[in-house]
């Protein structure tokens, strides 16, 4: 049987924080994903799930609006199709 040896001082990669622009882009993709999930939940007729996803979508919008300089979340973006 092989033994697993752990080295105590192994350096791990640290993740760097995303820039504001990259974070906003990631939130935009999340927003579209939640929107797609809402459409699927509506097709299933699961109103409770639709409500939950709508709340999640509002939270994503709120976070995105905090990153932008006072502009309403996704106000100036074409949100009809994901990028």
PDB file of N, CA and C in Angstrom:
ATOM      1  N   UNK A   1       0.844  -1.177   0.000  1.00  0.00           N
ATOM      2  CA  UNK A   1       0.000   0.000   0.000  1.00  0.00           C
ATOM      3  C   UNK A   1       0.887   1.238   0.000  1.00  0.00           C
ATOM      4  N   UNK A   2       0.510   2.249  -0.784  1.00  0.00           N
ATOM      5  CA  UNK A   2       1.275   3.486  -0.850  1.00  0.00           C
ATOM      6  C   UNK A   2       0.862   4.426   0.277  1.00  0.00           C
ATOM      7  N   UNK A   3       1.854   5.060   0.854  1.00  0.00           N
ATOM      8  CA  UNK A   3       1.586   6.044   1.898  1.00  0.00           C
ATOM      9  C   UNK A   3       1.497   7.431   1.288  1.00  0.00           C
ATOM     10  N   UNK A   4       0.606   8.224   1.801  1.00  0.00           N
ATOM     11  CA  UNK A   4       0.476   9.607   1.358  1.00  0.00           C
ATOM     12  C   UNK A   4       1.288  10.472   2.309  1.00  0.00           C
ATOM     13  N   UNK A   5       2.186  11.260   1.738  1.00  0.00           N
ATOM     14  CA  UNK A   5       3.046  12.116   2.547  1.00  0.00           C
ATOM     15  C   UNK A   5       2.627  13.558   2.329  1.00  0.00           C
ATOM     16  N   UNK A   6       2.340  14.243   3.397  1.00  0.00           N
ATOM     17  CA  UNK A   6       1.968  15.651   3.321  1.00  0.00           C
ATOM     18  C   UNK A   6       3.134  16.497   3.785  1.00  0.00           C
ATOM     19  N   UNK A   7       3.447  17.499   3.004  1.00  0.00           N
ATOM     20  CA  UNK A   7       4.511  18.423   3.392  1.00  0.00           C
ATOM     21  C   UNK A   7       3.873  19.610   4.087  1.00  0.00           C
ATOM     22  N   UNK A   8       4.300  19.926   5.290  1.00  0.00           N
ATOM     23  CA  UNK A   8       3.624  20.964   6.077  1.00  0.00           C
ATOM     24  C   UNK A   8       3.780  22.389   5.549  1.00  0.00           C
ATOM     25  N   UNK A   9       4.841  22.693   4.847  1.00  0.00           N
ATOM     26  CA  UNK A   9       5.087  24.078   4.438  1.00  0.00           C
ATOM     27  C   UNK A   9       4.880  24.298   2.941  1.00  0.00           C
ATOM     28  N   UNK A  10       3.934  23.632   2.378  1.00  0.00           N
ATOM     29  CA  UNK A  10       3.656  23.782   0.949  1.00  0.00           C
ATOM     30  C   UNK A  10       2.868  25.065   0.738  1.00  0.00           C
ATOM     31  N   UNK A  11       3.354  25.892  -0.159  1.00  0.00           N
ATOM     32  CA  UNK A  11       2.653  27.146  -0.457  1.00  0.00           C
ATOM     33  C   UNK A  11       1.440  26.870  -1.332  1.00  0.00           C
ATOM     34  N   UNK A  12       0.385  27.540  -1.039  1.00  0.00           N
ATOM     35  CA  UNK A  12      -0.833  27.420  -1.844  1.00  0.00           C
ATOM     36  C   UNK A  12      -1.044  28.724  -2.586  1.00  0.00           C
ATOM     37  N   UNK A  13      -1.638  28.599  -3.747  1.00  0.00           N
ATOM     38  CA  UNK A  13      -1.942  29.796  -4.525  1.00  0.00           C
ATOM     39  C   UNK A  13      -3.024  30.599  -3.832  1.00  0.00           C
ATOM     40  N   UNK A  14      -2.842  31.877  -3.813  1.00  0.00           N
ATOM     41  CA  UNK A  14      -3.886  32.743  -3.282  1.00  0.00           C
ATOM     42  C   UNK A  14      -4.588  33.403  -4.456  1.00  0.00           C
ATOM     43  N   UNK A  15      -5.872  33.504  -4.322  1.00  0.00           N
ATOM     44  CA  UNK A  15      -6.640  34.132  -5.400  1.00  0.00           C
ATOM     45  C   UNK A  15      -6.596  35.635  -5.244  1.00  0.00           C
ATOM     46  N   UNK A  16      -6.389  36.295  -6.342  1.00  0.00           N
ATOM     47  CA  UNK A  16      -6.417  37.749  -6.335  1.00  0.00           C
ATOM     48  C   UNK A  16      -7.851  38.216  -6.523  1.00  0.00           C
ATOM     49  N   UNK A  17      -8.148  39.317  -5.904  1.00  0.00           N
ATOM     50  CA  UNK A  17      -9.492  39.886  -6.048  1.00  0.00           C
ATOM     51  C   UNK A  17      -9.687  40.373  -7.476  1.00  0.00           C
ATOM     52  N   UNK A  18     -10.902  40.216  -7.976  1.00  0.00           N
ATOM     53  CA  UNK A  18     -11.210  40.690  -9.318  1.00  0.00           C
ATOM     54  C   UNK A  18     -11.282  42.211  -9.330  1.00  0.00           C
ATOM     55  N   UNK A  19     -10.915  42.792 -10.453  1.00  0.00           N
ATOM     56  CA  UNK A  19     -11.077  44.237 -10.593  1.00  0.00           C
ATOM     57  C   UNK A  19     -12.572  44.545 -10.677  1.00  0.00           C
ATOM     58  N   UNK A  20     -12.923  45.792 -10.481  1.00  0.00           N
ATOM     59  CA  UNK A  20     -14.332  46.183 -10.514  1.00  0.00           C
ATOM     60  C   UNK A  20     -15.001  45.837 -11.827  1.00  0.00           C
ATOM     61  N   UNK A  21     -14.277  46.029 -12.927  1.00  0.00           N
ATOM     62  CA  UNK A  21     -14.844  45.751 -14.252  1.00  0.00           C
ATOM     63  C   UNK A  21     -15.080  44.246 -14.438  1.00  0.00           C
ATOM     64  N   UNK A  22     -14.113  43.430 -14.008  1.00  0.00           N
ATOM     65  CA  UNK A  22     -14.268  41.981 -14.143  1.00  0.00           C
ATOM     66  C   UNK A  22     -15.353  41.453 -13.213  1.00  0.00           C
ATOM     67  N   UNK A  23     -15.459  42.044 -12.037  1.00  0.00           N
ATOM     68  CA  UNK A  23     -16.495  41.623 -11.104  1.00  0.00           C
ATOM     69  C   UNK A  23     -17.881  41.964 -11.665  1.00  0.00           C
ATOM     70  N   UNK A  24     -18.007  43.140 -12.258  1.00  0.00           N
ATOM     71  CA  UNK A  24     -19.286  43.539 -12.864  1.00  0.00           C
ATOM     72  C   UNK A  24     -19.641  42.606 -14.012  1.00  0.00           C
ATOM     73  N   UNK A  25     -18.654  42.227 -14.816  1.00  0.00           N
ATOM     74  CA  UNK A  25     -18.905  41.306 -15.932  1.00  0.00           C
ATOM     75  C   UNK A  25     -19.345  39.942 -15.416  1.00  0.00           C
ATOM     76  N   UNK A  26     -18.718  39.477 -14.339  1.00  0.00           N
ATOM     77  CA  UNK A  26     -19.095  38.185 -13.756  1.00  0.00           C
ATOM     78  C   UNK A  26     -20.514  38.243 -13.204  1.00  0.00           C
ATOM     79  N   UNK A  27     -20.858  39.350 -12.556  1.00  0.00           N
ATOM     80  CA  UNK A  27     -22.214  39.503 -12.024  1.00  0.00           C
ATOM     81  C   UNK A  27     -23.243  39.553 -13.155  1.00  0.00           C
ATOM     82  N   UNK A  28     -22.877  40.155 -14.264  1.00  0.00           N
ATOM     83  CA  UNK A  28     -23.770  40.213 -15.422  1.00  0.00           C
ATOM     84  C   UNK A  28     -24.056  38.804 -15.935  1.00  0.00           C
ATOM     85  N   UNK A  29     -23.012  37.955 -15.980  1.00  0.00           N
ATOM     86  CA  UNK A  29     -23.214  36.562 -16.410  1.00  0.00           C
ATOM     87  C   UNK A  29     -24.078  35.804 -15.406  1.00  0.00           C
ATOM     88  N   UNK A  30     -23.866  36.043 -14.122  1.00  0.00           N
ATOM     89  CA  UNK A  30     -24.680  35.400 -13.085  1.00  0.00           C
ATOM     90  C   UNK A  30     -26.133  35.830 -13.237  1.00  0.00           C
ATOM     91  N   UNK A  31     -26.350  37.120 -13.478  1.00  0.00           N
ATOM     92  CA  UNK A  31     -27.705  37.655 -13.633  1.00  0.00           C
ATOM     93  C   UNK A  31     -28.428  36.938 -14.771  1.00  0.00           C
ATOM     94  N   UNK A  32     -27.740  36.744 -15.890  1.00  0.00           N
ATOM     95  CA  UNK A  32     -28.349  36.041 -17.020  1.00  0.00           C
ATOM     96  C   UNK A  32     -28.636  34.582 -16.673  1.00  0.00           C
ATOM     97  N   UNK A  33     -27.728  33.956 -15.936  1.00  0.00           N
ATOM     98  CA  UNK A  33     -27.954  32.575 -15.521  1.00  0.00           C
ATOM     99  C   UNK A  33     -29.180  32.448 -14.643  1.00  0.00           C
ATOM    100  N   UNK A  34     -29.343  33.366 -13.703  1.00  0.00           N
ATOM    101  CA  UNK A  34     -30.510  33.353 -12.822  1.00  0.00           C
ATOM    102  C   UNK A  34     -31.780  33.593 -13.639  1.00  0.00           C
ATOM    103  N   UNK A  35     -31.687  34.500 -14.601  1.00  0.00           N
ATOM    104  CA  UNK A  35     -32.852  34.775 -15.457  1.00  0.00           C
ATOM    105  C   UNK A  35     -33.263  33.512 -16.221  1.00  0.00           C
ATOM    106  N   UNK A  36     -32.278  32.783 -16.743  1.00  0.00           N
ATOM    107  CA  UNK A  36     -32.572  31.537 -17.460  1.00  0.00           C
ATOM    108  C   UNK A  36     -33.195  30.503 -16.530  1.00  0.00           C
ATOM    109  N   UNK A  37     -32.671  30.415 -15.302  1.00  0.00           N
ATOM    110  CA  UNK A  37     -33.251  29.488 -14.325  1.00  0.00           C
ATOM    111  C   UNK A  37     -34.692  29.864 -13.990  1.00  0.00           C
ATOM    112  N   UNK A  38     -34.966  31.163 -13.919  1.00  0.00           N
ATOM    113  CA  UNK A  38     -36.342  31.612 -13.649  1.00  0.00           C
ATOM    114  C   UNK A  38     -37.284  31.169 -14.754  1.00  0.00           C
ATOM    115  N   UNK A  39     -36.827  31.270 -15.995  1.00  0.00           N
ATOM    116  CA  UNK A  39     -37.663  30.845 -17.115  1.00  0.00           C
ATOM    117  C   UNK A  39     -37.965  29.353 -17.038  1.00  0.00           C
ATOM    118  N   UNK A  40     -36.962  28.556 -16.668  1.00  0.00           N
ATOM    119  CA  UNK A  40     -37.167  27.118 -16.523  1.00  0.00           C
ATOM    120  C   UNK A  40     -38.132  26.815 -15.377  1.00  0.00           C
ATOM    121  N   UNK A  41     -37.991  27.545 -14.262  1.00  0.00           N
ATOM    122  CA  UNK A  41     -38.876  27.347 -13.118  1.00  0.00           C
ATOM    123  C   UNK A  41     -40.314  27.716 -13.476  1.00  0.00           C
ATOM    124  N   UNK A  42     -40.468  28.764 -14.298  1.00  0.00           N
ATOM    125  CA  UNK A  42     -41.816  29.152 -14.745  1.00  0.00           C
ATOM    126  C   UNK A  42     -42.421  28.052 -15.605  1.00  0.00           C
ATOM    127  N   UNK A  43     -41.607  27.433 -16.477  1.00  0.00           N
ATOM    128  CA  UNK A  43     -42.099  26.336 -17.313  1.00  0.00           C
ATOM    129  C   UNK A  43     -42.553  25.158 -16.457  1.00  0.00           C
ATOM    130  N   UNK A  44     -41.830  24.922 -15.356  1.00  0.00           N
ATOM    131  CA  UNK A  44     -42.183  23.834 -14.446  1.00  0.00           C
ATOM    132  C   UNK A  44     -43.386  24.163 -13.579  1.00  0.00           C
ATOM    133  N   UNK A  45     -43.753  25.437 -13.535  1.00  0.00           N
ATOM    134  CA  UNK A  45     -44.883  25.856 -12.718  1.00  0.00           C
ATOM    135  C   UNK A  45     -44.559  25.917 -11.234  1.00  0.00           C
ATOM    136  N   UNK A  46     -43.300  26.095 -10.902  1.00  0.00           N
ATOM    137  CA  UNK A  46     -42.863  26.138  -9.504  1.00  0.00           C
ATOM    138  C   UNK A  46     -42.754  27.598  -9.062  1.00  0.00           C
ATOM    139  N   UNK A  47     -43.851  28.124  -8.545  1.00  0.00           N
ATOM    140  CA  UNK A  47     -43.893  29.537  -8.178  1.00  0.00           C
ATOM    141  C   UNK A  47     -42.966  29.875  -7.016  1.00  0.00           C
ATOM    142  N   UNK A  48     -42.773  28.920  -6.122  1.00  0.00           N
ATOM    143  CA  UNK A  48     -41.874  29.156  -4.984  1.00  0.00           C
ATOM    144  C   UNK A  48     -40.429  29.325  -5.463  1.00  0.00           C
ATOM    145  N   UNK A  49     -40.011  28.487  -6.410  1.00  0.00           N
ATOM    146  CA  UNK A  49     -38.671  28.588  -6.973  1.00  0.00           C
ATOM    147  C   UNK A  49     -38.516  29.879  -7.769  1.00  0.00           C
ATOM    148  N   UNK A  50     -39.550  30.262  -8.501  1.00  0.00           N
ATOM    149  CA  UNK A  50     -39.514  31.517  -9.255  1.00  0.00           C
ATOM    150  C   UNK A  50     -39.313  32.689  -8.302  1.00  0.00           C
ATOM    151  N   UNK A  51     -40.020  32.674  -7.194  1.00  0.00           N
ATOM    152  CA  UNK A  51     -39.886  33.746  -6.208  1.00  0.00           C
ATOM    153  C   UNK A  51     -38.465  33.783  -5.640  1.00  0.00           C
ATOM    154  N   UNK A  52     -37.936  32.628  -5.269  1.00  0.00           N
ATOM    155  CA  UNK A  52     -36.578  32.542  -4.734  1.00  0.00           C
ATOM    156  C   UNK A  52     -35.568  33.095  -5.730  1.00  0.00           C
ATOM    157  N   UNK A  53     -35.700  32.697  -6.998  1.00  0.00           N
ATOM    158  CA  UNK A  53     -34.771  33.163  -8.031  1.00  0.00           C
ATOM    159  C   UNK A  53     -34.921  34.656  -8.299  1.00  0.00           C
ATOM    160  N   UNK A  54     -36.147  35.166  -8.189  1.00  0.00           N
ATOM    161  CA  UNK A  54     -36.355  36.606  -8.372  1.00  0.00           C
ATOM    162  C   UNK A  54     -35.639  37.393  -7.279  1.00  0.00           C
ATOM    163  N   UNK A  55     -35.682  36.883  -6.064  1.00  0.00           N
ATOM    164  CA  UNK A  55     -34.960  37.528  -4.960  1.00  0.00           C
ATOM    165  C   UNK A  55     -33.461  37.477  -5.230  1.00  0.00           C
ATOM    166  N   UNK A  56     -32.969  36.321  -5.691  1.00  0.00           N
ATOM    167  CA  UNK A  56     -31.546  36.191  -6.010  1.00  0.00           C
ATOM    168  C   UNK A  56     -31.153  37.162  -7.116  1.00  0.00           C
ATOM    169  N   UNK A  57     -32.013  37.305  -8.110  1.00  0.00           N
ATOM    170  CA  UNK A  57     -31.737  38.226  -9.212  1.00  0.00           C
ATOM    171  C   UNK A  57     -31.668  39.666  -8.703  1.00  0.00           C
ATOM    172  N   UNK A  58     -32.554  40.033  -7.805  1.00  0.00           N
ATOM    173  CA  UNK A  58     -32.510  41.381  -7.231  1.00  0.00           C
ATOM    174  C   UNK A  58     -31.232  41.612  -6.434  1.00  0.00           C
ATOM    175  N   UNK A  59     -30.786  40.595  -5.705  1.00  0.00           N
ATOM    176  CA  UNK A  59     -29.548  40.726  -4.951  1.00  0.00           C
ATOM    177  C   UNK A  59     -28.342  40.905  -5.871  1.00  0.00           C
ATOM    178  N   UNK A  60     -28.333  40.191  -6.988  1.00  0.00           N
ATOM    179  CA  UNK A  60     -27.244  40.347  -7.960  1.00  0.00           C
ATOM    180  C   UNK A  60     -27.285  41.758  -8.546  1.00  0.00           C
ATOM    181  N   UNK A  61     -28.477  42.236  -8.879  1.00  0.00           N
ATOM    182  CA  UNK A  61     -28.608  43.587  -9.412  1.00  0.00           C
ATOM    183  C   UNK A  61     -28.131  44.629  -8.406  1.00  0.00           C
ATOM    184  N   UNK A  62     -28.476  44.415  -7.144  1.00  0.00           N
ATOM    185  CA  UNK A  62     -28.065  45.348  -6.101  1.00  0.00           C
ATOM    186  C   UNK A  62     -26.541  45.372  -5.967  1.00  0.00           C
ATOM    187  N   UNK A  63     -25.920  44.207  -5.999  1.00  0.00           N
ATOM    188  CA  UNK A  63     -24.462  44.130  -5.897  1.00  0.00           C
ATOM    189  C   UNK A  63     -23.809  44.806  -7.106  1.00  0.00           C
ATOM    190  N   UNK A  64     -24.381  44.581  -8.284  1.00  0.00           N
ATOM    191  CA  UNK A  64     -23.827  45.193  -9.490  1.00  0.00           C
ATOM    192  C   UNK A  64     -23.976  46.706  -9.451  1.00  0.00           C
ATOM    193  N   UNK A  65     -25.084  47.183  -8.930  1.00  0.00           N
ATOM    194  CA  UNK A  65     -25.279  48.638  -8.863  1.00  0.00           C
ATOM    195  C   UNK A  65     -24.320  49.258  -7.856  1.00  0.00           C
ATOM    196  N   UNK A  66     -23.901  48.497  -6.854  1.00  0.00           N
ATOM    197  CA  UNK A  66     -22.912  48.998  -5.909  1.00  0.00           C
ATOM    198  C   UNK A  66     -21.543  49.150  -6.548  1.00  0.00           C
ATOM    199  N   UNK A  67     -21.268  48.373  -7.598  1.00  0.00           N
ATOM    200  CA  UNK A  67     -19.985  48.454  -8.295  1.00  0.00           C
ATOM    201  C   UNK A  67     -19.949  49.596  -9.288  1.00  0.00           C
ATOM    202  N   UNK A  68     -21.100  49.921  -9.842  1.00  0.00           N
ATOM    203  CA  UNK A  68     -21.146  51.000 -10.822  1.00  0.00           C
ATOM    204  C   UNK A  68     -21.311  52.323 -10.083  1.00  0.00           C
ATOM    205  N   UNK A  69     -21.021  53.374 -10.733  1.00  0.00           N
ATOM    206  CA  UNK A  69     -21.026  54.688 -10.077  1.00  0.00           C
ATOM    207  C   UNK A  69     -22.423  55.307 -10.048  1.00  0.00           C
ATOM    208  N   UNK A  70     -23.269  54.739  -9.230  1.00  0.00           N
ATOM    209  CA  UNK A  70     -24.597  55.304  -9.049  1.00  0.00           C
ATOM    210  C   UNK A  70     -25.578  55.025 -10.176  1.00  0.00           C
ATOM    211  N   UNK A  71     -25.147  54.347 -11.231  1.00  0.00           N
ATOM    212  CA  UNK A  71     -26.038  54.032 -12.340  1.00  0.00           C
ATOM    213  C   UNK A  71     -26.850  52.806 -11.960  1.00  0.00           C
ATOM    214  N   UNK A  72     -28.119  52.824 -12.253  1.00  0.00           N
ATOM    215  CA  UNK A  72     -28.986  51.686 -11.958  1.00  0.00           C
ATOM    216  C   UNK A  72     -28.424  50.426 -12.605  1.00  0.00           C
ATOM    217  N   UNK A  73     -28.598  49.308 -11.930  1.00  0.00           N
ATOM    218  CA  UNK A  73     -28.022  48.044 -12.383  1.00  0.00           C
ATOM    219  C   UNK A  73     -28.448  47.711 -13.804  1.00  0.00           C
ATOM    220  N   UNK A  74     -27.494  47.508 -14.667  1.00  0.00           N
ATOM    221  CA  UNK A  74     -27.687  47.097 -16.056  1.00  0.00           C
ATOM    222  C   UNK A  74     -28.559  48.065 -16.854  1.00  0.00           C
ATOM    223  N   UNK A  75     -28.694  49.295 -16.403  1.00  0.00           N
ATOM    224  CA  UNK A  75     -29.559  50.265 -17.063  1.00  0.00           C
ATOM    225  C   UNK A  75     -29.116  50.542 -18.494  1.00  0.00           C
ATOM    226  N   UNK A  76     -27.810  50.635 -18.702  1.00  0.00           N
ATOM    227  CA  UNK A  76     -27.302  50.996 -20.014  1.00  0.00           C
ATOM    228  C   UNK A  76     -26.893  49.788 -20.846  1.00  0.00           C
ATOM    229  N   UNK A  77     -27.136  48.570 -20.368  1.00  0.00           N
ATOM    230  CA  UNK A  77     -26.736  47.374 -21.075  1.00  0.00           C
ATOM    231  C   UNK A  77     -27.923  46.713 -21.750  1.00  0.00           C
ATOM    232  N   UNK A  78     -27.638  46.075 -22.877  1.00  0.00           N
ATOM    233  CA  UNK A  78     -28.658  45.277 -23.540  1.00  0.00           C
ATOM    234  C   UNK A  78     -28.723  43.928 -22.834  1.00  0.00           C
ATOM    235  N   UNK A  79     -29.767  43.712 -22.061  1.00  0.00           N
ATOM    236  CA  UNK A  79     -29.879  42.489 -21.273  1.00  0.00           C
ATOM    237  C   UNK A  79     -30.712  41.421 -21.977  1.00  0.00           C
ATOM    238  N   UNK A  80     -31.001  41.623 -23.265  1.00  0.00           N
ATOM    239  CA  UNK A  80     -31.831  40.661 -23.967  1.00  0.00           C
ATOM    240  C   UNK A  80     -31.102  39.350 -24.231  1.00  0.00           C
ATOM    241  N   UNK A  81     -29.790  39.390 -24.457  1.00  0.00           N
ATOM    242  CA  UNK A  81     -29.025  38.183 -24.734  1.00  0.00           C
ATOM    243  C   UNK A  81     -27.737  38.198 -23.916  1.00  0.00           C
ATOM    244  N   UNK A  82     -27.306  37.039 -23.414  1.00  0.00           N
ATOM    245  CA  UNK A  82     -26.032  36.998 -22.691  1.00  0.00           C
ATOM    246  C   UNK A  82     -24.863  37.208 -23.636  1.00  0.00           C
ATOM    247  N   UNK A  83     -23.794  37.768 -23.118  1.00  0.00           N
ATOM    248  CA  UNK A  83     -22.609  38.002 -23.956  1.00  0.00           C
ATOM    249  C   UNK A  83     -21.741  36.777 -24.018  1.00  0.00           C
TER     250      UNK A  83
END
